[in-house]
Amino acid sequence: MINLRSQIRQVYELGDVQHITHLDNLKEILTDGCIFSKNQMFTLGKKFKDISSESVQTGRANITIPCSGKPLHDYVPLYWGKKTPMVSYLRKMNDSLLFLIFSTELLLQYDCLISDGNARSAKTLFKKFRELNDLDILDCKSINTSKYAYDDETKRRKQSELLVLNNLPLNHLLRIVCYSEAVKNKVETLLTTHCTTCGVYVGFGNYYYMDNQ
């Protein structure tokens, strides 16, 4: 029997999903054994290194998702596409930026929503995931493209999200991608300390280069 991850690759030509975080947050994530939503972090009194734009997060904080009736900040965000506008915006902190890559098999285990674009956009539609064809709302060509700078609609769709309610355990964590061998060594040390097994790779294909490179 073909698993969901393989079906998604075959039918939609989409790979695994990624959560973007700062290196300083990894120790806490490994200690907790999961990634918490922003609202859960607030409720639990947890501190973290926030890499996001304050104005963007203010906008997201005011969004209630129609199909679930829950605030957007009740969900842990993951992205289908690589090299999104957010990654471009964060390029100056490349050396501290980690990509935690999760298997799409998580869709079968947790309460998940799919967005057809950037969750902050008023044009974006949301759908609760129940079966494979729920992913039909995704524009896979836009998600996989790297040419979106001059097309606002492609840029919106490029940023389609997989949203997991409340918290995302590390059960489906496949690998961590980082920017340099030096960071890789730090990540591997943290994984060993927390008895967590996970591949760690230097992946320049996930990053935008600094403007002065």
Protein backbone atom coordinates (compact mmCIF):
# COMPACT_ATOMS: atom_id res chain seq x y z
CA MET A 1 0.00 0.00 0.00
CA ILE A 2 1.37 3.41 -1.01
CA ASN A 3 1.73 5.75 1.95
CA LEU A 4 0.36 9.29 1.98
CA ARG A 5 3.78 10.90 1.58
CA SER A 6 4.40 8.95 -1.62
CA GLN A 7 0.94 9.74 -2.93
CA ILE A 8 1.49 13.46 -2.38
CA ARG A 9 4.76 13.26 -4.30
CA GLN A 10 3.21 11.33 -7.17
CA VAL A 11 -0.07 13.21 -7.53
CA TYR A 12 0.96 16.75 -6.58
CA GLU A 13 4.76 16.72 -6.99
CA LEU A 14 5.10 18.16 -3.51
CA GLY A 15 7.78 17.12 -1.06
CA ASP A 16 8.01 17.33 2.70
CA VAL A 17 6.98 20.40 4.69
CA GLN A 18 9.20 22.68 6.74
CA HIS A 19 9.04 24.73 9.90
CA ILE A 20 11.49 27.62 10.08
CA THR A 21 13.06 28.57 13.40
CA HIS A 22 16.10 30.16 15.01
CA LEU A 23 18.99 28.02 16.22
CA ASP A 24 18.46 29.40 19.74
CA ASN A 25 15.02 27.73 19.85
CA LEU A 26 16.22 24.22 19.07
CA LYS A 27 17.25 23.28 22.62
CA GLU A 28 13.77 24.12 23.95
CA ILE A 29 12.05 22.33 21.07
CA LEU A 30 14.07 19.18 21.73
CA THR A 31 13.44 19.43 25.47
CA ASP A 32 9.68 19.77 24.91
CA GLY A 33 9.62 17.14 22.20
CA CYS A 34 7.36 19.34 20.11
CA ILE A 35 6.81 22.74 18.53
CA PHE A 36 4.10 24.84 20.15
CA SER A 37 1.80 27.32 18.44
CA LYS A 38 2.22 30.98 19.38
CA ASN A 39 -0.88 30.91 21.55
CA GLN A 40 0.29 27.77 23.35
CA MET A 41 3.68 29.38 23.93
CA PHE A 42 1.94 32.37 25.50
CA THR A 43 -0.32 30.18 27.66
CA LEU A 44 2.62 28.10 28.90
CA GLY A 45 4.79 31.17 29.51
CA LYS A 46 7.52 29.98 27.18
CA LYS A 47 10.09 32.33 25.74
CA PHE A 48 11.55 31.93 22.27
CA LYS A 49 13.62 33.76 19.68
CA ASP A 50 11.06 35.25 17.31
CA ILE A 51 12.37 35.54 13.74
CA SER A 52 9.17 36.87 12.21
CA SER A 53 8.20 40.38 11.25
CA GLU A 54 6.27 42.11 14.03
CA SER A 55 3.78 43.63 11.57
CA VAL A 56 3.19 40.25 9.92
CA GLN A 57 2.56 38.58 13.27
CA THR A 58 0.19 41.34 14.32
CA GLY A 59 -1.80 40.67 11.18
CA ARG A 60 -1.81 36.91 11.74
CA ALA A 61 -2.86 37.38 15.38
CA ASN A 62 -6.11 39.00 14.23
CA ILE A 63 -7.14 36.18 11.90
CA THR A 64 -9.78 33.61 12.77
CA ILE A 65 -9.89 30.66 10.36
CA PRO A 66 -13.44 30.26 8.98
CA CYS A 67 -13.48 26.47 8.60
CA SER A 68 -12.34 25.81 12.19
CA GLY A 69 -13.43 28.94 14.06
CA LYS A 70 -10.01 29.06 15.74
CA PRO A 71 -7.35 31.80 15.74
CA LEU A 72 -4.52 31.37 13.25
CA HIS A 73 -2.07 31.59 16.17
CA ASP A 74 -3.58 28.38 17.58
CA TYR A 75 -1.71 26.57 14.79
CA VAL A 76 1.91 25.63 14.16
CA PRO A 77 2.77 26.78 10.60
CA LEU A 78 4.69 24.68 8.10
CA TYR A 79 5.38 25.59 4.49
CA TRP A 80 5.17 23.43 1.38
CA GLY A 81 7.57 25.55 -0.68
CA LYS A 82 11.29 26.23 -0.38
CA LYS A 83 12.87 29.67 -0.66
CA THR A 84 9.72 31.57 0.21
CA PRO A 85 9.55 35.37 0.57
CA MET A 86 9.99 34.88 4.33
CA VAL A 87 13.30 33.10 3.74
CA SER A 88 14.41 35.94 1.50
CA TYR A 89 13.45 38.46 4.20
CA LEU A 90 15.49 36.50 6.76
CA ARG A 91 18.62 36.06 4.64
CA LYS A 92 20.74 38.24 6.93
CA MET A 93 20.34 35.64 9.69
CA ASN A 94 21.12 32.66 7.46
CA ASP A 95 23.68 31.24 9.88
CA SER A 96 21.07 31.02 12.66
CA LEU A 97 18.17 29.88 10.50
CA LEU A 98 17.10 26.23 10.73
CA PHE A 99 14.63 24.30 8.59
CA LEU A 100 12.94 21.46 10.44
CA ILE A 101 11.70 19.10 7.75
CA PHE A 102 8.61 17.01 8.55
CA SER A 103 7.03 14.13 6.68
CA THR A 104 3.60 14.84 5.23
CA GLU A 105 2.48 11.63 6.92
CA LEU A 106 1.70 13.92 9.88
CA LEU A 107 -1.49 14.90 8.04
CA LEU A 108 -2.98 11.55 9.05
CA GLN A 109 -2.16 11.91 12.74
CA TYR A 110 -2.93 15.48 13.75
CA ASP A 111 -5.68 18.08 13.38
CA CYS A 112 -4.46 19.88 10.25
CA LEU A 113 -5.61 22.63 7.94
CA ILE A 114 -4.36 23.49 4.47
CA SER A 115 -4.19 27.05 3.17
CA ASP A 116 -4.04 27.81 -0.56
CA GLY A 117 -1.64 30.69 0.08
CA ASN A 118 -0.13 32.95 2.70
CA ALA A 119 -2.45 32.57 5.71
CA ARG A 120 -2.29 36.31 6.39
CA SER A 121 -3.77 37.24 2.99
CA ALA A 122 -7.47 38.11 2.82
CA LYS A 123 -7.69 36.11 -0.44
CA THR A 124 -6.46 32.87 1.11
CA LEU A 125 -8.81 29.91 1.52
CA PHE A 126 -8.51 27.25 4.22
CA LYS A 127 -9.58 23.62 4.25
CA LYS A 128 -9.52 20.96 6.92
CA PHE A 129 -7.47 17.97 5.77
CA ARG A 130 -9.43 14.72 5.66
CA GLU A 131 -8.23 12.99 2.49
CA LEU A 132 -5.69 13.29 -0.30
CA ASN A 133 -7.83 15.30 -2.72
CA ASP A 134 -8.20 18.06 -0.12
CA LEU A 135 -4.81 19.15 -1.43
CA ASP A 136 -6.47 20.10 -4.73
CA ILE A 137 -6.75 23.66 -3.40
CA LEU A 138 -2.95 24.00 -3.62
CA ASP A 139 -1.29 25.57 -6.66
CA CYS A 140 1.66 23.20 -6.82
CA LYS A 141 3.32 25.00 -9.71
CA SER A 142 3.44 28.22 -7.69
CA ILE A 143 4.65 26.38 -4.59
CA ASN A 144 7.56 24.86 -6.50
CA THR A 145 8.57 27.93 -8.48
CA SER A 146 11.40 30.29 -7.60
CA LYS A 147 10.13 33.00 -9.94
CA TYR A 148 7.49 34.96 -8.08
CA ALA A 149 9.04 38.35 -7.32
CA TYR A 150 6.89 40.30 -9.80
CA ASP A 151 3.63 38.36 -9.47
CA ASP A 152 1.71 38.98 -6.24
CA GLU A 153 -0.72 36.10 -6.76
CA THR A 154 2.06 33.58 -7.42
CA LYS A 155 3.86 34.94 -4.36
CA ARG A 156 0.72 34.44 -2.25
CA ARG A 157 0.24 30.86 -3.46
CA LYS A 158 3.95 30.11 -3.08
CA GLN A 159 3.46 30.58 0.66
CA SER A 160 0.76 27.92 1.10
CA GLU A 161 0.78 26.51 4.61
CA LEU A 162 0.10 23.28 6.45
CA LEU A 163 -1.24 24.24 9.87
CA VAL A 164 -1.18 21.88 12.87
CA LEU A 165 -3.45 22.64 15.83
CA ASN A 166 -1.78 23.57 19.16
CA ASN A 167 1.48 21.65 18.93
CA LEU A 168 3.47 19.45 16.59
CA PRO A 169 5.35 16.52 18.20
CA LEU A 170 8.69 15.58 16.65
CA ASN A 171 7.48 12.09 15.67
CA HIS A 172 7.55 12.95 11.98
CA LEU A 173 10.72 15.07 12.01
CA LEU A 174 12.90 13.75 9.18
CA ARG A 175 15.90 16.05 9.14
CA ILE A 176 17.21 19.49 9.99
CA VAL A 177 18.75 21.71 7.34
CA CYS A 178 21.27 24.39 8.33
CA TYR A 179 23.56 26.86 6.60
CA SER A 180 27.09 25.78 7.50
CA GLU A 181 29.21 22.96 8.86
CA ALA A 182 29.76 24.97 12.05
CA VAL A 183 26.01 25.18 12.67
CA LYS A 184 25.62 21.52 11.75
CA ASN A 185 28.06 20.60 14.52
CA LYS A 186 26.05 22.63 17.04
CA VAL A 187 22.79 21.00 15.96
CA GLU A 188 24.26 17.50 16.14
CA THR A 189 25.56 18.18 19.64
CA LEU A 190 22.10 19.29 20.77
CA LEU A 191 20.49 16.22 19.19
CA THR A 192 22.94 13.92 20.97
CA THR A 193 22.39 15.69 24.31
CA HIS A 194 18.63 15.24 23.98
CA CYS A 195 18.87 11.65 22.69
CA THR A 196 17.14 12.61 19.45
CA THR A 197 17.95 10.85 16.20
CA CYS A 198 17.62 13.00 13.11
CA GLY A 199 19.66 13.67 9.99
CA VAL A 200 21.39 17.07 9.81
CA TYR A 201 22.40 18.55 6.48
CA VAL A 202 23.99 21.68 5.15
CA GLY A 203 21.50 22.83 2.53
CA PHE A 204 22.26 25.96 0.58
CA GLY A 205 19.30 25.11 -1.69
CA ASN A 206 16.97 26.13 1.14
CA TYR A 207 18.55 29.56 1.58
CA TYR A 208 18.82 32.84 -0.25
CA TYR A 209 22.34 34.22 -0.33
CA MET A 210 23.24 37.44 1.38
CA ASP A 211 23.11 40.47 -0.92
CA ASN A 212 26.86 41.00 -0.55
CA GLN A 213 27.81 37.45 -1.58
